[in-house]
C-alpha atoms as a PDB file:
ATOM      1  CA  MET A   1     123.929 104.931  44.060  1.00  0.00           C
ATOM      2  CA  SER A   2     127.293 105.617  43.620  1.00  0.00           C
ATOM      3  CA  SER A   3     127.329 105.902  39.956  1.00  0.00           C
ATOM      4  CA  GLU A   4     124.423 108.649  39.753  1.00  0.00           C
ATOM      5  CA  ALA A   5     124.566 112.215  41.240  1.00  0.00           C
ATOM      6  CA  ALA A   6     121.625 113.712  43.392  1.00  0.00           C
ATOM      7  CA  ILE A   7     120.353 116.539  41.778  1.00  0.00           C
ATOM      8  CA  THR A   8     118.840 119.744  43.947  1.00  0.00           C
ATOM      9  CA  LYS A   9     117.614 123.001  42.582  1.00  0.00           C
ATOM     10  CA  ASP A  10     121.092 124.496  43.729  1.00  0.00           C
ATOM     11  CA  ASN A  11     123.491 121.956  41.522  1.00  0.00           C
ATOM     12  CA  PHE A  12     120.904 121.273  38.653  1.00  0.00           C
ATOM     13  CA  ASP A  13     122.208 123.988  36.330  1.00  0.00           C
ATOM     14  CA  ALA A  14     125.921 122.964  36.637  1.00  0.00           C
ATOM     15  CA  GLU A  15     125.135 119.078  36.701  1.00  0.00           C
ATOM     16  CA  VAL A  16     122.436 119.324  34.109  1.00  0.00           C
ATOM     17  CA  VAL A  17     121.960 122.086  31.979  1.00  0.00           C
ATOM     18  CA  ARG A  18     125.277 122.673  31.550  1.00  0.00           C
ATOM     19  CA  SER A  19     126.796 118.780  31.213  1.00  0.00           C
ATOM     20  CA  PRO A  20     128.755 118.303  28.031  1.00  0.00           C
ATOM     21  CA  ILE A  21     126.944 114.840  27.666  1.00  0.00           C
ATOM     22  CA  PRO A  22     123.589 114.007  27.445  1.00  0.00           C
ATOM     23  CA  VAL A  23     122.002 113.590  31.150  1.00  0.00           C
ATOM     24  CA  LEU A  24     119.072 111.181  32.069  1.00  0.00           C
ATOM     25  CA  ILE A  25     117.128 112.098  34.991  1.00  0.00           C
ATOM     26  CA  ASP A  26     115.436 109.912  37.138  1.00  0.00           C
ATOM     27  CA  PHE A  27     112.550 111.783  39.183  1.00  0.00           C
ATOM     28  CA  TRP A  28     111.914 109.307  42.137  1.00  0.00           C
ATOM     29  CA  ALA A  29     110.401 108.867  45.714  1.00  0.00           C
ATOM     30  CA  VAL A  30     111.579 106.715  48.551  1.00  0.00           C
ATOM     31  CA  TRP A  31     107.891 105.452  48.913  1.00  0.00           C
ATOM     32  CA  CYS A  32     107.431 104.424  45.234  1.00  0.00           C
ATOM     33  CA  GLY A  33     107.528 100.892  44.400  1.00  0.00           C
ATOM     34  CA  PRO A  34     108.401 101.083  40.523  1.00  0.00           C
ATOM     35  CA  CYS A  35     111.353 103.508  41.516  1.00  0.00           C
ATOM     36  CA  LYS A  36     112.694 100.804  43.441  1.00  0.00           C
ATOM     37  CA  MET A  37     112.389  98.469  40.261  1.00  0.00           C
ATOM     38  CA  ILE A  38     114.005 100.579  37.740  1.00  0.00           C
ATOM     39  CA  ALA A  39     116.925 101.759  40.148  1.00  0.00           C
ATOM     40  CA  PRO A  40     119.124  98.632  39.697  1.00  0.00           C
ATOM     41  CA  MET A  41     118.660  98.919  35.546  1.00  0.00           C
ATOM     42  CA  LEU A  42     119.472 102.723  35.924  1.00  0.00           C
ATOM     43  CA  GLU A  43     122.751 101.752  37.943  1.00  0.00           C
ATOM     44  CA  ASP A  44     123.914  99.295  35.354  1.00  0.00           C
ATOM     45  CA  ILE A  45     123.201 101.664  32.617  1.00  0.00           C
ATOM     46  CA  ALA A  46     125.207 104.397  34.625  1.00  0.00           C
ATOM     47  CA  VAL A  47     128.298 101.801  34.509  1.00  0.00           C
ATOM     48  CA  GLU A  48     127.821 100.961  30.937  1.00  0.00           C
ATOM     49  CA  TYR A  49     127.640 104.229  29.435  1.00  0.00           C
ATOM     50  CA  GLU A  50     129.663 106.119  31.766  1.00  0.00           C
ATOM     51  CA  GLY A  51     131.359 109.124  30.198  1.00  0.00           C
ATOM     52  CA  ARG A  52     128.790 108.983  27.164  1.00  0.00           C
ATOM     53  CA  LEU A  53     125.508 109.739  29.471  1.00  0.00           C
ATOM     54  CA  LYS A  54     125.234 111.169  33.096  1.00  0.00           C
ATOM     55  CA  ILE A  55     122.437 109.695  35.190  1.00  0.00           C
ATOM     56  CA  VAL A  56     121.228 111.670  37.892  1.00  0.00           C
ATOM     57  CA  LYS A  57     118.358 111.669  40.335  1.00  0.00           C
ATOM     58  CA  VAL A  58     116.049 113.969  41.963  1.00  0.00           C
ATOM     59  CA  ASN A  59     113.715 112.997  44.797  1.00  0.00           C
ATOM     60  CA  VAL A  60     110.454 114.604  44.081  1.00  0.00           C
ATOM     61  CA  ASP A  61     109.744 114.914  47.981  1.00  0.00           C
ATOM     62  CA  GLU A  62     112.999 117.091  48.709  1.00  0.00           C
ATOM     63  CA  GLN A  63     112.930 118.939  45.315  1.00  0.00           C
ATOM     64  CA  PRO A  64     109.272 119.743  44.585  1.00  0.00           C
ATOM     65  CA  GLU A  65     110.217 122.808  42.683  1.00  0.00           C
ATOM     66  CA  LEU A  66     112.187 120.689  40.166  1.00  0.00           C
ATOM     67  CA  ALA A  67     109.562 118.365  39.863  1.00  0.00           C
ATOM     68  CA  GLU A  68     107.051 121.083  39.360  1.00  0.00           C
ATOM     69  CA  GLN A  69     109.573 122.955  36.794  1.00  0.00           C
ATOM     70  CA  HIS A  70     109.511 119.488  34.862  1.00  0.00           C
ATOM     71  CA  HIS A  71     105.865 118.711  35.090  1.00  0.00           C
ATOM     72  CA  VAL A  72     106.177 115.571  37.141  1.00  0.00           C
ATOM     73  CA  MET A  73     102.757 114.130  38.063  1.00  0.00           C
ATOM     74  CA  THR A  74     103.893 110.611  38.657  1.00  0.00           C
ATOM     75  CA  VAL A  75     107.057 108.499  39.697  1.00  0.00           C
ATOM     76  CA  PRO A  76     109.292 107.333  38.064  1.00  0.00           C
ATOM     77  CA  THR A  77     109.550 109.938  35.243  1.00  0.00           C
ATOM     78  CA  LEU A  78     112.430 109.982  33.205  1.00  0.00           C
ATOM     79  CA  VAL A  79     113.748 113.218  31.606  1.00  0.00           C
ATOM     80  CA  LEU A  80     116.145 113.273  28.893  1.00  0.00           C
ATOM     81  CA  TYR A  81     118.358 116.655  28.386  1.00  0.00           C
ATOM     82  CA  LYS A  82     120.977 117.163  25.900  1.00  0.00           C
ATOM     83  CA  ASP A  83     122.654 120.511  25.253  1.00  0.00           C
ATOM     84  CA  GLY A  84     120.737 122.344  28.058  1.00  0.00           C
ATOM     85  CA  GLU A  85     117.509 121.221  26.689  1.00  0.00           C
ATOM     86  CA  VAL A  86     114.593 118.579  27.447  1.00  0.00           C
ATOM     87  CA  ARG A  87     114.660 116.349  24.672  1.00  0.00           C
ATOM     88  CA  ASP A  88     112.120 113.855  25.796  1.00  0.00           C
ATOM     89  CA  GLN A  89     110.239 112.568  28.914  1.00  0.00           C
ATOM     90  CA  ARG A  90     108.649 109.436  30.047  1.00  0.00           C
ATOM     91  CA  SER A  91     106.666 108.347  32.967  1.00  0.00           C
ATOM     92  CA  GLY A  92     106.373 105.028  34.548  1.00  0.00           C
ATOM     93  CA  THR A  93     108.530 101.528  34.494  1.00  0.00           C
ATOM     94  CA  VAL A  94     110.734 100.780  31.383  1.00  0.00           C
ATOM     95  CA  PRO A  95     112.509  97.670  31.029  1.00  0.00           C
ATOM     96  CA  LYS A  96     116.131  98.039  30.626  1.00  0.00           C
ATOM     97  CA  GLN A  97     116.063  97.832  26.639  1.00  0.00           C
ATOM     98  CA  GLY A  98     113.302 100.491  26.790  1.00  0.00           C
ATOM     99  CA  ILE A  99     115.410 102.648  28.800  1.00  0.00           C
ATOM    100  CA  ILE A 100     118.455 102.387  26.372  1.00  0.00           C
ATOM    101  CA  LYS A 101     116.250 102.924  23.496  1.00  0.00           C
ATOM    102  CA  PHE A 102     114.907 106.225  25.253  1.00  0.00           C
ATOM    103  CA  PHE A 103     118.541 107.843  25.240  1.00  0.00           C
ATOM    104  CA  LYS A 104     120.614 106.036  22.313  1.00  0.00           C
ATOM    105  CA  ASP A 105     119.886 108.339  19.444  1.00  0.00           C
ATOM    106  CA  LEU A 106     121.265 111.232  21.418  1.00  0.00           C
ATOM    107  CA  LEU A 107     124.731 109.903  22.111  1.00  0.00           C
END
């Protein structure tokens, strides 16, 4: 996904915590069917809201520490950060308009 950055424990602080704009984290896994369903929606949103919202991805199999830190029990899980703090979290598939509604108030 060219519009979305892959996040690791090494770049989490710089890319998420210190981001000047809100960040939507997609916790996902390669084997997750619902993750594949929302991926195109997240790509579209990343383009539509470029400069106002950053969308990043965390592969839970490669970054289990970040998944544990955010209490991710199922994928996909979306976590919304603003000003270095978690503002909301939601698990499961959500339609595109539901994803937009999830972050719209923080823009």
